[in-house]
Amino acid sequence: MEIAPRISADKNVRFGRPVIAGTRVSVDLVLGQLAGGMTYEEVMKEYGLKKEDILAALDYAAKTISSESLHLPA
């Protein structure tokens, strides 16, 4: 099931975690590799992705975090 452009989730793929549509590459994996210092080009080559896939993962993460609220102690 598509949950965002180029992002899908299926309980039978990666335990239902969000992945790049048509792959088993999870959004958190893409983000982790970028955070770890890999370039877009390295991630694309390593996982067979397109730049649009990486941008979709970043967009999905940004939108997910934007709706998050924290309950901080007073």
C-alpha atoms as a PDB file:
ATOM      1  CA  MET A   1       0.000   0.000   0.000  1.00  0.00           C
ATOM      2  CA  GLU A   2       1.384   3.387  -0.967  1.00  0.00           C
ATOM      3  CA  ILE A   3       1.532   5.611   2.122  1.00  0.00           C
ATOM      4  CA  ALA A   4       3.298   8.543   0.441  1.00  0.00           C
ATOM      5  CA  PRO A   5       4.668   9.220  -3.032  1.00  0.00           C
ATOM      6  CA  ARG A   6       7.271   6.493  -3.789  1.00  0.00           C
ATOM      7  CA  ILE A   7       6.902   5.090  -0.240  1.00  0.00           C
ATOM      8  CA  SER A   8       4.952   1.939   0.556  1.00  0.00           C
ATOM      9  CA  ALA A   9       4.222  -0.361   3.471  1.00  0.00           C
ATOM     10  CA  ASP A  10       3.275  -4.022   3.415  1.00  0.00           C
ATOM     11  CA  LYS A  11       3.130  -6.294   6.454  1.00  0.00           C
ATOM     12  CA  ASN A  12       4.953  -8.950   4.393  1.00  0.00           C
ATOM     13  CA  VAL A  13       7.869  -6.654   3.477  1.00  0.00           C
ATOM     14  CA  ARG A  14      10.289  -5.575   6.199  1.00  0.00           C
ATOM     15  CA  PHE A  15       7.612  -6.217   8.858  1.00  0.00           C
ATOM     16  CA  GLY A  16       5.444  -3.385   7.519  1.00  0.00           C
ATOM     17  CA  ARG A  17       8.090  -0.702   7.843  1.00  0.00           C
ATOM     18  CA  PRO A  18       7.997   2.104   5.250  1.00  0.00           C
ATOM     19  CA  VAL A  19      10.132   1.214   2.228  1.00  0.00           C
ATOM     20  CA  ILE A  20      10.951   2.707  -1.135  1.00  0.00           C
ATOM     21  CA  ALA A  21       8.112   1.459  -3.362  1.00  0.00           C
ATOM     22  CA  GLY A  22       9.037  -1.655  -5.316  1.00  0.00           C
ATOM     23  CA  THR A  23      12.055  -2.418  -3.121  1.00  0.00           C
ATOM     24  CA  ARG A  24      12.892  -3.823   0.296  1.00  0.00           C
ATOM     25  CA  VAL A  25      14.973  -0.724   1.118  1.00  0.00           C
ATOM     26  CA  SER A  26      13.529   0.912   4.222  1.00  0.00           C
ATOM     27  CA  VAL A  27      13.211   4.646   4.675  1.00  0.00           C
ATOM     28  CA  ASP A  28      15.169   4.481   7.930  1.00  0.00           C
ATOM     29  CA  LEU A  29      18.026   2.676   6.166  1.00  0.00           C
ATOM     30  CA  VAL A  30      18.265   5.430   3.562  1.00  0.00           C
ATOM     31  CA  LEU A  31      18.195   8.113   6.265  1.00  0.00           C
ATOM     32  CA  GLY A  32      20.770   6.293   8.363  1.00  0.00           C
ATOM     33  CA  GLN A  33      23.166   5.940   5.447  1.00  0.00           C
ATOM     34  CA  LEU A  34      22.858   9.635   4.608  1.00  0.00           C
ATOM     35  CA  ALA A  35      23.306  10.589   8.274  1.00  0.00           C
ATOM     36  CA  GLY A  36      26.365   8.335   8.378  1.00  0.00           C
ATOM     37  CA  GLY A  37      28.012  10.315   5.603  1.00  0.00           C
ATOM     38  CA  MET A  38      27.114   8.491   2.414  1.00  0.00           C
ATOM     39  CA  THR A  39      26.339  10.717  -0.546  1.00  0.00           C
ATOM     40  CA  TYR A  40      23.157  10.468  -2.591  1.00  0.00           C
ATOM     41  CA  GLU A  41      25.215   8.854  -5.357  1.00  0.00           C
ATOM     42  CA  GLU A  42      26.679   6.229  -3.002  1.00  0.00           C
ATOM     43  CA  VAL A  43      23.246   5.326  -1.628  1.00  0.00           C
ATOM     44  CA  MET A  44      21.821   5.169  -5.153  1.00  0.00           C
ATOM     45  CA  LYS A  45      24.583   2.843  -6.323  1.00  0.00           C
ATOM     46  CA  GLU A  46      24.572   0.644  -3.195  1.00  0.00           C
ATOM     47  CA  TYR A  47      20.800   0.066  -3.147  1.00  0.00           C
ATOM     48  CA  GLY A  48      19.780   0.558  -6.785  1.00  0.00           C
ATOM     49  CA  LEU A  49      17.748   3.674  -6.048  1.00  0.00           C
ATOM     50  CA  LYS A  50      17.035   6.859  -7.967  1.00  0.00           C
ATOM     51  CA  LYS A  51      17.532  10.358  -6.618  1.00  0.00           C
ATOM     52  CA  GLU A  52      13.746  10.725  -6.519  1.00  0.00           C
ATOM     53  CA  ASP A  53      13.593   7.734  -4.136  1.00  0.00           C
ATOM     54  CA  ILE A  54      16.010   9.378  -1.720  1.00  0.00           C
ATOM     55  CA  LEU A  55      14.142  12.668  -1.890  1.00  0.00           C
ATOM     56  CA  ALA A  56      10.878  10.817  -1.238  1.00  0.00           C
ATOM     57  CA  ALA A  57      12.402   9.177   1.858  1.00  0.00           C
ATOM     58  CA  LEU A  58      13.562  12.563   3.144  1.00  0.00           C
ATOM     59  CA  ASP A  59      10.162  14.115   2.439  1.00  0.00           C
ATOM     60  CA  TYR A  60       8.340  11.260   4.179  1.00  0.00           C
ATOM     61  CA  ALA A  61      10.591  11.575   7.241  1.00  0.00           C
ATOM     62  CA  ALA A  62      10.175  15.355   7.395  1.00  0.00           C
ATOM     63  CA  LYS A  63       6.390  15.107   7.189  1.00  0.00           C
ATOM     64  CA  THR A  64       6.283  12.337   9.777  1.00  0.00           C
ATOM     65  CA  ILE A  65       8.426  14.298  12.228  1.00  0.00           C
ATOM     66  CA  SER A  66       6.470  17.506  11.659  1.00  0.00           C
ATOM     67  CA  SER A  67       3.353  15.886  13.090  1.00  0.00           C
ATOM     68  CA  GLU A  68       5.179  14.507  16.124  1.00  0.00           C
ATOM     69  CA  SER A  69       4.656  16.120  19.498  1.00  0.00           C
ATOM     70  CA  LEU A  70       6.797  15.595  22.546  1.00  0.00           C
ATOM     71  CA  HIS A  71       5.550  15.579  26.098  1.00  0.00           C
ATOM     72  CA  LEU A  72       8.301  17.313  28.022  1.00  0.00           C
ATOM     73  CA  PRO A  73       8.391  17.470  31.800  1.00  0.00           C
ATOM     74  CA  ALA A  74       7.390  20.808  33.288  1.00  0.00           C
END
